[in-house]
Amino acid sequence: MHSTLIVARMDTASSIDVAKIFRDFDDTEMPHRMGTRRRQLFEYRGLYFHLQDFDEDQGGRQIQEARHDHRFQQISEDLKPLIEAYDPATWRSPADAMAKRFYSWEASA
């Protein structure tokens, strides 16, 4: 399984609206189209964490293909007023907001 963690800024009061936007998006086939197995959203003192687990990385191919879908573009627009880049001066794409994993452990089967 491949995971990504996006870090941004969000007013805590926006969490209900953000959750609804993702709930509506996740009720479509889009998560399956993107290879998403699980999505978890967290907030902590004005920070927003979006943890997404995928079947496998595949170089982000499925997400790149999904980015052209109007629903993907719409959720991005819907989130803009609620989520802001952690560092607007350096943000160019979601890749600029992804945390880098530096340690991982899994229980053996």
PDB file of N, CA and C in Angstrom:
ATOM      1  N   MET A   1       0.845  -1.175   0.000  1.00  0.00           N
ATOM      2  CA  MET A   1       0.000   0.000   0.000  1.00  0.00           C
ATOM      3  C   MET A   1       0.892   1.241   0.000  1.00  0.00           C
ATOM      4  N   HIS A   2       0.463   2.261  -0.699  1.00  0.00           N
ATOM      5  CA  HIS A   2       1.190   3.529  -0.803  1.00  0.00           C
ATOM      6  C   HIS A   2       0.357   4.603  -0.109  1.00  0.00           C
ATOM      7  N   SER A   3       0.984   5.460   0.676  1.00  0.00           N
ATOM      8  CA  SER A   3       0.276   6.525   1.382  1.00  0.00           C
ATOM      9  C   SER A   3       0.870   7.880   1.031  1.00  0.00           C
ATOM     10  N   THR A   4       0.004   8.897   1.045  1.00  0.00           N
ATOM     11  CA  THR A   4       0.463  10.277   0.920  1.00  0.00           C
ATOM     12  C   THR A   4      -0.150  11.072   2.063  1.00  0.00           C
ATOM     13  N   LEU A   5       0.565  12.090   2.508  1.00  0.00           N
ATOM     14  CA  LEU A   5       0.077  12.969   3.563  1.00  0.00           C
ATOM     15  C   LEU A   5       0.265  14.405   3.095  1.00  0.00           C
ATOM     16  N   ILE A   6      -0.848  15.102   2.917  1.00  0.00           N
ATOM     17  CA  ILE A   6      -0.818  16.501   2.526  1.00  0.00           C
ATOM     18  C   ILE A   6      -1.006  17.347   3.769  1.00  0.00           C
ATOM     19  N   VAL A   7      -0.177  18.378   3.913  1.00  0.00           N
ATOM     20  CA  VAL A   7      -0.240  19.287   5.054  1.00  0.00           C
ATOM     21  C   VAL A   7      -0.591  20.675   4.530  1.00  0.00           C
ATOM     22  N   ALA A   8      -1.578  21.305   5.150  1.00  0.00           N
ATOM     23  CA  ALA A   8      -1.990  22.654   4.755  1.00  0.00           C
ATOM     24  C   ALA A   8      -2.523  23.373   5.989  1.00  0.00           C
ATOM     25  N   ARG A   9      -3.112  24.516   5.772  1.00  0.00           N
ATOM     26  CA  ARG A   9      -3.716  25.291   6.859  1.00  0.00           C
ATOM     27  C   ARG A   9      -5.226  25.325   6.666  1.00  0.00           C
ATOM     28  N   MET A  10      -5.948  25.267   7.805  1.00  0.00           N
ATOM     29  CA  MET A  10      -7.403  25.267   7.751  1.00  0.00           C
ATOM     30  C   MET A  10      -7.937  25.812   9.065  1.00  0.00           C
ATOM     31  N   ASP A  11      -8.928  26.665   8.988  1.00  0.00           N
ATOM     32  CA  ASP A  11      -9.630  27.119  10.178  1.00  0.00           C
ATOM     33  C   ASP A  11     -10.414  25.919  10.717  1.00  0.00           C
ATOM     34  N   THR A  12     -10.274  25.650  12.001  1.00  0.00           N
ATOM     35  CA  THR A  12     -10.943  24.500  12.623  1.00  0.00           C
ATOM     36  C   THR A  12     -12.442  24.503  12.343  1.00  0.00           C
ATOM     37  N   ALA A  13     -13.040  25.674  12.276  1.00  0.00           N
ATOM     38  CA  ALA A  13     -14.479  25.773  12.024  1.00  0.00           C
ATOM     39  C   ALA A  13     -14.855  25.257  10.635  1.00  0.00           C
ATOM     40  N   SER A  14     -13.909  25.139   9.741  1.00  0.00           N
ATOM     41  CA  SER A  14     -14.180  24.656   8.383  1.00  0.00           C
ATOM     42  C   SER A  14     -14.219  23.143   8.276  1.00  0.00           C
ATOM     43  N   SER A  15     -13.853  22.432   9.333  1.00  0.00           N
ATOM     44  CA  SER A  15     -13.733  20.975   9.242  1.00  0.00           C
ATOM     45  C   SER A  15     -15.037  20.296   8.822  1.00  0.00           C
ATOM     46  N   ILE A  16     -16.170  20.791   9.266  1.00  0.00           N
ATOM     47  CA  ILE A  16     -17.453  20.182   8.892  1.00  0.00           C
ATOM     48  C   ILE A  16     -17.693  20.341   7.388  1.00  0.00           C
ATOM     49  N   ASP A  17     -17.413  21.534   6.864  1.00  0.00           N
ATOM     50  CA  ASP A  17     -17.602  21.775   5.428  1.00  0.00           C
ATOM     51  C   ASP A  17     -16.632  20.948   4.595  1.00  0.00           C
ATOM     52  N   VAL A  18     -15.388  20.876   5.018  1.00  0.00           N
ATOM     53  CA  VAL A  18     -14.386  20.091   4.294  1.00  0.00           C
ATOM     54  C   VAL A  18     -14.779  18.615   4.294  1.00  0.00           C
ATOM     55  N   ALA A  19     -15.211  18.115   5.431  1.00  0.00           N
ATOM     56  CA  ALA A  19     -15.636  16.708   5.510  1.00  0.00           C
ATOM     57  C   ALA A  19     -16.804  16.437   4.563  1.00  0.00           C
ATOM     58  N   LYS A  20     -17.755  17.352   4.484  1.00  0.00           N
ATOM     59  CA  LYS A  20     -18.898  17.152   3.593  1.00  0.00           C
ATOM     60  C   LYS A  20     -18.459  17.139   2.129  1.00  0.00           C
ATOM     61  N   ILE A  21     -17.555  18.037   1.763  1.00  0.00           N
ATOM     62  CA  ILE A  21     -17.058  18.067   0.381  1.00  0.00           C
ATOM     63  C   ILE A  21     -16.423  16.724   0.034  1.00  0.00           C
ATOM     64  N   PHE A  22     -15.595  16.199   0.937  1.00  0.00           N
ATOM     65  CA  PHE A  22     -14.961  14.905   0.662  1.00  0.00           C
ATOM     66  C   PHE A  22     -15.964  13.761   0.722  1.00  0.00           C
ATOM     67  N   ARG A  23     -16.934  13.822   1.633  1.00  0.00           N
ATOM     68  CA  ARG A  23     -17.952  12.767   1.708  1.00  0.00           C
ATOM     69  C   ARG A  23     -18.695  12.672   0.379  1.00  0.00           C
ATOM     70  N   ASP A  24     -19.100  13.821  -0.162  1.00  0.00           N
ATOM     71  CA  ASP A  24     -19.813  13.822  -1.444  1.00  0.00           C
ATOM     72  C   ASP A  24     -18.920  13.282  -2.571  1.00  0.00           C
ATOM     73  N   PHE A  25     -17.654  13.678  -2.575  1.00  0.00           N
ATOM     74  CA  PHE A  25     -16.698  13.198  -3.580  1.00  0.00           C
ATOM     75  C   PHE A  25     -16.484  11.696  -3.445  1.00  0.00           C
ATOM     76  N   ASP A  26     -16.336  11.223  -2.218  1.00  0.00           N
ATOM     77  CA  ASP A  26     -16.055   9.811  -1.974  1.00  0.00           C
ATOM     78  C   ASP A  26     -17.269   8.917  -2.222  1.00  0.00           C
ATOM     79  N   ASP A  27     -18.467   9.519  -2.310  1.00  0.00           N
ATOM     80  CA  ASP A  27     -19.669   8.747  -2.646  1.00  0.00           C
ATOM     81  C   ASP A  27     -19.773   8.480  -4.148  1.00  0.00           C
ATOM     82  N   THR A  28     -18.848   9.024  -4.932  1.00  0.00           N
ATOM     83  CA  THR A  28     -18.816   8.756  -6.373  1.00  0.00           C
ATOM     84  C   THR A  28     -17.809   7.624  -6.623  1.00  0.00           C
ATOM     85  N   GLU A  29     -17.584   7.296  -7.877  1.00  0.00           N
ATOM     86  CA  GLU A  29     -16.583   6.267  -8.199  1.00  0.00           C
ATOM     87  C   GLU A  29     -15.169   6.840  -8.253  1.00  0.00           C
ATOM     88  N   MET A  30     -15.027   8.154  -8.019  1.00  0.00           N
ATOM     89  CA  MET A  30     -13.718   8.795  -8.138  1.00  0.00           C
ATOM     90  C   MET A  30     -12.636   8.161  -7.256  1.00  0.00           C
ATOM     91  N   PRO A  31     -12.895   7.860  -5.985  1.00  0.00           N
ATOM     92  CA  PRO A  31     -11.818   7.228  -5.201  1.00  0.00           C
ATOM     93  C   PRO A  31     -11.331   5.917  -5.830  1.00  0.00           C
ATOM     94  N   HIS A  32     -12.247   5.129  -6.352  1.00  0.00           N
ATOM     95  CA  HIS A  32     -11.864   3.861  -6.983  1.00  0.00           C
ATOM     96  C   HIS A  32     -11.059   4.128  -8.256  1.00  0.00           C
ATOM     97  N   ARG A  33     -11.484   5.141  -8.999  1.00  0.00           N
ATOM     98  CA  ARG A  33     -10.768   5.506 -10.227  1.00  0.00           C
ATOM     99  C   ARG A  33      -9.336   5.943  -9.915  1.00  0.00           C
ATOM    100  N   MET A  34      -9.145   6.583  -8.765  1.00  0.00           N
ATOM    101  CA  MET A  34      -7.828   7.069  -8.357  1.00  0.00           C
ATOM    102  C   MET A  34      -7.006   6.002  -7.629  1.00  0.00           C
ATOM    103  N   GLY A  35      -7.625   4.851  -7.311  1.00  0.00           N
ATOM    104  CA  GLY A  35      -6.924   3.809  -6.573  1.00  0.00           C
ATOM    105  C   GLY A  35      -6.902   4.049  -5.072  1.00  0.00           C
ATOM    106  N   THR A  36      -7.745   4.960  -4.584  1.00  0.00           N
ATOM    107  CA  THR A  36      -7.781   5.288  -3.159  1.00  0.00           C
ATOM    108  C   THR A  36      -8.450   4.165  -2.374  1.00  0.00           C
ATOM    109  N   ARG A  37      -7.773   3.696  -1.342  1.00  0.00           N
ATOM    110  CA  ARG A  37      -8.329   2.658  -0.458  1.00  0.00           C
ATOM    111  C   ARG A  37      -8.906   3.266   0.815  1.00  0.00           C
ATOM    112  N   ARG A  38      -8.291   4.359   1.272  1.00  0.00           N
ATOM    113  CA  ARG A  38      -8.755   4.992   2.509  1.00  0.00           C
ATOM    114  C   ARG A  38      -8.318   6.450   2.490  1.00  0.00           C
ATOM    115  N   ARG A  39      -9.203   7.309   3.033  1.00  0.00           N
ATOM    116  CA  ARG A  39      -8.893   8.722   3.186  1.00  0.00           C
ATOM    117  C   ARG A  39      -9.208   9.094   4.635  1.00  0.00           C
ATOM    118  N   GLN A  40      -8.291   9.790   5.264  1.00  0.00           N
ATOM    119  CA  GLN A  40      -8.520  10.290   6.616  1.00  0.00           C
ATOM    120  C   GLN A  40      -8.101  11.756   6.658  1.00  0.00           C
ATOM    121  N   LEU A  41      -8.942  12.579   7.270  1.00  0.00           N
ATOM    122  CA  LEU A  41      -8.653  13.999   7.414  1.00  0.00           C
ATOM    123  C   LEU A  41      -8.466  14.307   8.899  1.00  0.00           C
ATOM    124  N   PHE A  42      -7.436  15.082   9.199  1.00  0.00           N
ATOM    125  CA  PHE A  42      -7.142  15.465  10.576  1.00  0.00           C
ATOM    126  C   PHE A  42      -6.935  16.970  10.630  1.00  0.00           C
ATOM    127  N   GLU A  43      -7.208  17.560  11.777  1.00  0.00           N
ATOM    128  CA  GLU A  43      -6.860  18.955  12.007  1.00  0.00           C
ATOM    129  C   GLU A  43      -6.224  19.062  13.384  1.00  0.00           C
ATOM    130  N   TYR A  44      -5.283  19.984  13.466  1.00  0.00           N
ATOM    131  CA  TYR A  44      -4.594  20.237  14.729  1.00  0.00           C
ATOM    132  C   TYR A  44      -4.123  21.679  14.735  1.00  0.00           C
ATOM    133  N   ARG A  45      -4.724  22.470  15.585  1.00  0.00           N
ATOM    134  CA  ARG A  45      -4.308  23.864  15.795  1.00  0.00           C
ATOM    135  C   ARG A  45      -4.090  24.638  14.501  1.00  0.00           C
ATOM    136  N   GLY A  46      -5.080  24.591  13.654  1.00  0.00           N
ATOM    137  CA  GLY A  46      -5.004  25.348  12.407  1.00  0.00           C
ATOM    138  C   GLY A  46      -4.292  24.635  11.272  1.00  0.00           C
ATOM    139  N   LEU A  47      -3.842  23.419  11.514  1.00  0.00           N
ATOM    140  CA  LEU A  47      -3.212  22.634  10.457  1.00  0.00           C
ATOM    141  C   LEU A  47      -4.193  21.567   9.974  1.00  0.00           C
ATOM    142  N   TYR A  48      -4.105  21.250   8.715  1.00  0.00           N
ATOM    143  CA  TYR A  48      -4.945  20.265   8.048  1.00  0.00           C
ATOM    144  C   TYR A  48      -4.032  19.146   7.545  1.00  0.00           C
ATOM    145  N   PHE A  49      -4.426  17.915   7.826  1.00  0.00           N
ATOM    146  CA  PHE A  49      -3.661  16.747   7.378  1.00  0.00           C
ATOM    147  C   PHE A  49      -4.608  15.843   6.603  1.00  0.00           C
ATOM    148  N   HIS A  50      -4.215  15.506   5.403  1.00  0.00           N
ATOM    149  CA  HIS A  50      -5.021  14.662   4.522  1.00  0.00           C
ATOM    150  C   HIS A  50      -4.194  13.415   4.216  1.00  0.00           C
ATOM    151  N   LEU A  51      -4.538  12.319   4.887  1.00  0.00           N
ATOM    152  CA  LEU A  51      -3.844  11.047   4.710  1.00  0.00           C
ATOM    153  C   LEU A  51      -4.654  10.193   3.751  1.00  0.00           C
ATOM    154  N   GLN A  52      -3.999   9.754   2.683  1.00  0.00           N
ATOM    155  CA  GLN A  52      -4.675   8.961   1.668  1.00  0.00           C
ATOM    156  C   GLN A  52      -3.848   7.712   1.392  1.00  0.00           C
ATOM    157  N   ASP A  53      -4.511   6.569   1.447  1.00  0.00           N
ATOM    158  CA  ASP A  53      -3.862   5.287   1.182  1.00  0.00           C
ATOM    159  C   ASP A  53      -4.344   4.761  -0.169  1.00  0.00           C
ATOM    160  N   PHE A  54      -3.389   4.255  -0.952  1.00  0.00           N
ATOM    161  CA  PHE A  54      -3.662   3.748  -2.292  1.00  0.00           C
ATOM    162  C   PHE A  54      -3.254   2.284  -2.375  1.00  0.00           C
ATOM    163  N   ASP A  55      -3.833   1.579  -3.358  1.00  0.00           N
ATOM    164  CA  ASP A  55      -3.451   0.193  -3.594  1.00  0.00           C
ATOM    165  C   ASP A  55      -1.951   0.092  -3.820  1.00  0.00           C
ATOM    166  N   GLU A  56      -1.434   0.939  -4.708  1.00  0.00           N
ATOM    167  CA  GLU A  56       0.001   0.993  -4.990  1.00  0.00           C
ATOM    168  C   GLU A  56       0.300   2.332  -5.629  1.00  0.00           C
ATOM    169  N   ASP A  57       1.561   2.682  -5.696  1.00  0.00           N
ATOM    170  CA  ASP A  57       1.945   4.009  -6.179  1.00  0.00           C
ATOM    171  C   ASP A  57       1.735   4.169  -7.681  1.00  0.00           C
ATOM    172  N   GLN A  58       2.281   3.305  -8.487  1.00  0.00           N
ATOM    173  CA  GLN A  58       2.201   3.375  -9.949  1.00  0.00           C
ATOM    174  C   GLN A  58       2.628   4.747 -10.468  1.00  0.00           C
ATOM    175  N   GLY A  59       3.466   5.439  -9.724  1.00  0.00           N
ATOM    176  CA  GLY A  59       3.948   6.741 -10.151  1.00  0.00           C
ATOM    177  C   GLY A  59       2.869   7.798 -10.187  1.00  0.00           C
ATOM    178  N   GLY A  60       1.770   7.578  -9.483  1.00  0.00           N
ATOM    179  CA  GLY A  60       0.684   8.552  -9.466  1.00  0.00           C
ATOM    180  C   GLY A  60      -0.119   8.586 -10.755  1.00  0.00           C
ATOM    181  N   ARG A  61       0.027   7.555 -11.580  1.00  0.00           N
ATOM    182  CA  ARG A  61      -0.632   7.512 -12.894  1.00  0.00           C
ATOM    183  C   ARG A  61      -2.151   7.679 -12.780  1.00  0.00           C
ATOM    184  N   GLN A  62      -2.796   6.949 -11.865  1.00  0.00           N
ATOM    185  CA  GLN A  62      -4.252   7.021 -11.764  1.00  0.00           C
ATOM    186  C   GLN A  62      -4.718   8.417 -11.342  1.00  0.00           C
ATOM    187  N   ILE A  63      -3.990   9.048 -10.438  1.00  0.00           N
ATOM    188  CA  ILE A  63      -4.372  10.396 -10.008  1.00  0.00           C
ATOM    189  C   ILE A  63      -4.169  11.381 -11.146  1.00  0.00           C
ATOM    190  N   GLN A  64      -3.077  11.248 -11.877  1.00  0.00           N
ATOM    191  CA  GLN A  64      -2.839  12.142 -13.007  1.00  0.00           C
ATOM    192  C   GLN A  64      -3.965  12.035 -14.033  1.00  0.00           C
ATOM    193  N   GLU A  65      -4.444  10.828 -14.268  1.00  0.00           N
ATOM    194  CA  GLU A  65      -5.548  10.640 -15.207  1.00  0.00           C
ATOM    195  C   GLU A  65      -6.839  11.235 -14.649  1.00  0.00           C
ATOM    196  N   ALA A  66      -7.076  11.067 -13.355  1.00  0.00           N
ATOM    197  CA  ALA A  66      -8.306  11.569 -12.725  1.00  0.00           C
ATOM    198  C   ALA A  66      -8.342  13.094 -12.662  1.00  0.00           C
ATOM    199  N   ARG A  67      -7.204  13.741 -12.684  1.00  0.00           N
ATOM    200  CA  ARG A  67      -7.154  15.208 -12.584  1.00  0.00           C
ATOM    201  C   ARG A  67      -7.904  15.904 -13.717  1.00  0.00           C
ATOM    202  N   HIS A  68      -8.129  15.201 -14.819  1.00  0.00           N
ATOM    203  CA  HIS A  68      -8.834  15.790 -15.948  1.00  0.00           C
ATOM    204  C   HIS A  68     -10.353  15.653 -15.814  1.00  0.00           C
ATOM    205  N   ASP A  69     -10.809  14.878 -14.843  1.00  0.00           N
ATOM    206  CA  ASP A  69     -12.243  14.695 -14.616  1.00  0.00           C
ATOM    207  C   ASP A  69     -12.819  15.953 -13.973  1.00  0.00           C
ATOM    208  N   HIS A  70     -13.993  16.375 -14.411  1.00  0.00           N
ATOM    209  CA  HIS A  70     -14.600  17.602 -13.886  1.00  0.00           C
ATOM    210  C   HIS A  70     -14.857  17.511 -12.384  1.00  0.00           C
ATOM    211  N   ARG A  71     -15.090  16.310 -11.855  1.00  0.00           N
ATOM    212  CA  ARG A  71     -15.338  16.165 -10.410  1.00  0.00           C
ATOM    213  C   ARG A  71     -14.069  16.421  -9.608  1.00  0.00           C
ATOM    214  N   PHE A  72     -12.936  16.003 -10.128  1.00  0.00           N
ATOM    215  CA  PHE A  72     -11.652  16.268  -9.474  1.00  0.00           C
ATOM    216  C   PHE A  72     -11.381  17.773  -9.477  1.00  0.00           C
ATOM    217  N   GLN A  73     -11.622  18.398 -10.606  1.00  0.00           N
ATOM    218  CA  GLN A  73     -11.410  19.840 -10.717  1.00  0.00           C
ATOM    219  C   GLN A  73     -12.376  20.602  -9.817  1.00  0.00           C
ATOM    220  N   GLN A  74     -13.620  20.105  -9.704  1.00  0.00           N
ATOM    221  CA  GLN A  74     -14.622  20.778  -8.873  1.00  0.00           C
ATOM    222  C   GLN A  74     -14.268  20.690  -7.391  1.00  0.00           C
ATOM    223  N   ILE A  75     -13.813  19.537  -6.918  1.00  0.00           N
ATOM    224  CA  ILE A  75     -13.473  19.432  -5.502  1.00  0.00           C
ATOM    225  C   ILE A  75     -12.292  20.348  -5.181  1.00  0.00           C
ATOM    226  N   SER A  76     -11.370  20.483  -6.106  1.00  0.00           N
ATOM    227  CA  SER A  76     -10.247  21.403  -5.897  1.00  0.00           C
ATOM    228  C   SER A  76     -10.746  22.830  -5.742  1.00  0.00           C
ATOM    229  N   GLU A  77     -11.683  23.226  -6.581  1.00  0.00           N
ATOM    230  CA  GLU A  77     -12.255  24.580  -6.498  1.00  0.00           C
ATOM    231  C   GLU A  77     -13.056  24.759  -5.209  1.00  0.00           C
ATOM    232  N   ASP A  78     -13.831  23.738  -4.832  1.00  0.00           N
ATOM    233  CA  ASP A  78     -14.657  23.826  -3.617  1.00  0.00           C
ATOM    234  C   ASP A  78     -13.807  23.961  -2.355  1.00  0.00           C
ATOM    235  N   LEU A  79     -12.616  23.371  -2.368  1.00  0.00           N
ATOM    236  CA  LEU A  79     -11.748  23.405  -1.183  1.00  0.00           C
ATOM    237  C   LEU A  79     -10.921  24.685  -1.083  1.00  0.00           C
ATOM    238  N   LYS A  80     -10.740  25.386  -2.185  1.00  0.00           N
ATOM    239  CA  LYS A  80      -9.873  26.576  -2.189  1.00  0.00           C
ATOM    240  C   LYS A  80     -10.209  27.595  -1.102  1.00  0.00           C
ATOM    241  N   PRO A  81     -11.488  27.928  -0.873  1.00  0.00           N
ATOM    242  CA  PRO A  81     -11.757  28.925   0.171  1.00  0.00           C
ATOM    243  C   PRO A  81     -11.580  28.388   1.597  1.00  0.00           C
ATOM    244  N   LEU A  82     -11.464  27.073   1.749  1.00  0.00           N
ATOM    245  CA  LEU A  82     -11.411  26.453   3.072  1.00  0.00           C
ATOM    246  C   LEU A  82     -10.018  25.991   3.482  1.00  0.00           C
ATOM    247  N   ILE A  83      -9.198  25.641   2.503  1.00  0.00           N
ATOM    248  CA  ILE A  83      -7.852  25.103   2.767  1.00  0.00           C
ATOM    249  C   ILE A  83      -6.842  26.021   2.094  1.00  0.00           C
ATOM    250  N   GLU A  84      -5.832  26.430   2.815  1.00  0.00           N
ATOM    251  CA  GLU A  84      -4.791  27.250   2.194  1.00  0.00           C
ATOM    252  C   GLU A  84      -3.445  26.553   2.317  1.00  0.00           C
ATOM    253  N   ALA A  85      -2.577  26.856   1.403  1.00  0.00           N
ATOM    254  CA  ALA A  85      -1.250  26.235   1.391  1.00  0.00           C
ATOM    255  C   ALA A  85      -0.523  26.511   2.705  1.00  0.00           C
ATOM    256  N   TYR A  86       0.246  25.540   3.145  1.00  0.00           N
ATOM    257  CA  TYR A  86       1.051  25.724   4.355  1.00  0.00           C
ATOM    258  C   TYR A  86       2.021  26.874   4.153  1.00  0.00           C
ATOM    259  N   ASP A  87       2.644  26.917   2.987  1.00  0.00           N
ATOM    260  CA  ASP A  87       3.565  27.997   2.646  1.00  0.00           C
ATOM    261  C   ASP A  87       3.198  28.505   1.250  1.00  0.00           C
ATOM    262  N   PRO A  88       2.318  29.496   1.174  1.00  0.00           N
ATOM    263  CA  PRO A  88       1.868  29.985  -0.136  1.00  0.00           C
ATOM    264  C   PRO A  88       2.998  30.444  -1.051  1.00  0.00           C
ATOM    265  N   ALA A  89       4.098  30.884  -0.486  1.00  0.00           N
ATOM    266  CA  ALA A  89       5.212  31.376  -1.309  1.00  0.00           C
ATOM    267  C   ALA A  89       5.878  30.263  -2.115  1.00  0.00           C
ATOM    268  N   THR A  90       5.798  29.031  -1.635  1.00  0.00           N
ATOM    269  CA  THR A  90       6.475  27.927  -2.326  1.00  0.00           C
ATOM    270  C   THR A  90       5.512  26.926  -2.964  1.00  0.00           C
ATOM    271  N   TRP A  91       4.199  27.086  -2.743  1.00  0.00           N
ATOM    272  CA  TRP A  91       3.232  26.117  -3.251  1.00  0.00           C
ATOM    273  C   TRP A  91       2.981  26.324  -4.740  1.00  0.00           C
ATOM    274  N   ARG A  92       3.171  25.262  -5.506  1.00  0.00           N
ATOM    275  CA  ARG A  92       2.879  25.284  -6.942  1.00  0.00           C
ATOM    276  C   ARG A  92       1.876  24.182  -7.313  1.00  0.00           C
ATOM    277  N   SER A  93       1.914  23.060  -6.573  1.00  0.00           N
ATOM    278  CA  SER A  93       1.014  21.940  -6.830  1.00  0.00           C
ATOM    279  C   SER A  93       0.875  21.140  -5.530  1.00  0.00           C
ATOM    280  N   PRO A  94      -0.062  20.185  -5.469  1.00  0.00           N
ATOM    281  CA  PRO A  94      -0.205  19.377  -4.253  1.00  0.00           C
ATOM    282  C   PRO A  94       1.095  18.682  -3.829  1.00  0.00           C
ATOM    283  N   ALA A  95       1.961  18.401  -4.780  1.00  0.00           N
ATOM    284  CA  ALA A  95       3.235  17.759  -4.433  1.00  0.00           C
ATOM    285  C   ALA A  95       4.061  18.636  -3.488  1.00  0.00           C
ATOM    286  N   ASP A  96       3.871  19.958  -3.559  1.00  0.00           N
ATOM    287  CA  ASP A  96       4.598  20.876  -2.677  1.00  0.00           C
ATOM    288  C   ASP A  96       4.075  20.849  -1.250  1.00  0.00           C
ATOM    289  N   ALA A  97       2.931  20.201  -1.032  1.00  0.00           N
ATOM    290  CA  ALA A  97       2.331  20.134   0.295  1.00  0.00           C
ATOM    291  C   ALA A  97       2.433  18.740   0.906  1.00  0.00           C
ATOM    292  N   MET A  98       3.083  17.816   0.207  1.00  0.00           N
ATOM    293  CA  MET A  98       3.162  16.442   0.702  1.00  0.00           C
ATOM    294  C   MET A  98       4.334  16.258   1.639  1.00  0.00           C
ATOM    295  N   ALA A  99       4.002  15.683   2.792  1.00  0.00           N
ATOM    296  CA  ALA A  99       5.048  15.361   3.762  1.00  0.00           C
ATOM    297  C   ALA A  99       5.901  14.233   3.188  1.00  0.00           C
ATOM    298  N   LYS A 100       7.154  14.223   3.566  1.00  0.00           N
ATOM    299  CA  LYS A 100       8.069  13.168   3.118  1.00  0.00           C
ATOM    300  C   LYS A 100       8.243  12.149   4.240  1.00  0.00           C
ATOM    301  N   ARG A 101       7.937  10.896   3.924  1.00  0.00           N
ATOM    302  CA  ARG A 101       8.090   9.823   4.905  1.00  0.00           C
ATOM    303  C   ARG A 101       9.571   9.587   5.149  1.00  0.00           C
ATOM    304  N   PHE A 102       9.955   9.505   6.399  1.00  0.00           N
ATOM    305  CA  PHE A 102      11.360   9.214   6.719  1.00  0.00           C
ATOM    306  C   PHE A 102      11.514   7.977   7.586  1.00  0.00           C
ATOM    307  N   TYR A 103      10.379   7.311   7.930  1.00  0.00           N
ATOM    308  CA  TYR A 103      10.439   6.057   8.670  1.00  0.00           C
ATOM    309  C   TYR A 103       9.107   5.348   8.488  1.00  0.00           C
ATOM    310  N   SER A 104       9.155   4.038   8.387  1.00  0.00           N
ATOM    311  CA  SER A 104       7.948   3.235   8.259  1.00  0.00           C
ATOM    312  C   SER A 104       8.144   1.885   8.919  1.00  0.00           C
ATOM    313  N   TRP A 105       7.114   1.370   9.538  1.00  0.00           N
ATOM    314  CA  TRP A 105       7.148   0.044  10.166  1.00  0.00           C
ATOM    315  C   TRP A 105       5.796  -0.594   9.969  1.00  0.00           C
ATOM    316  N   GLU A 106       5.774  -1.905   9.721  1.00  0.00           N
ATOM    317  CA  GLU A 106       4.541  -2.669   9.606  1.00  0.00           C
ATOM    318  C   GLU A 106       4.686  -3.962  10.365  1.00  0.00           C
ATOM    319  N   ALA A 107       3.612  -4.392  10.985  1.00  0.00           N
ATOM    320  CA  ALA A 107       3.608  -5.691  11.665  1.00  0.00           C
ATOM    321  C   ALA A 107       3.696  -6.796  10.615  1.00  0.00           C
ATOM    322  N   SER A 108       4.392  -7.854  10.914  1.00  0.00           N
ATOM    323  CA  SER A 108       4.461  -8.973   9.984  1.00  0.00           C
ATOM    324  C   SER A 108       3.174  -9.778  10.057  1.00  0.00           C
ATOM    325  N   ALA A 109       2.842 -10.436   8.956  1.00  0.00           N
ATOM    326  CA  ALA A 109       1.581 -11.174   8.864  1.00  0.00           C
ATOM    327  C   ALA A 109       1.552 -12.378   9.778  1.00  0.00           C
TER     328      ALA A 109
END
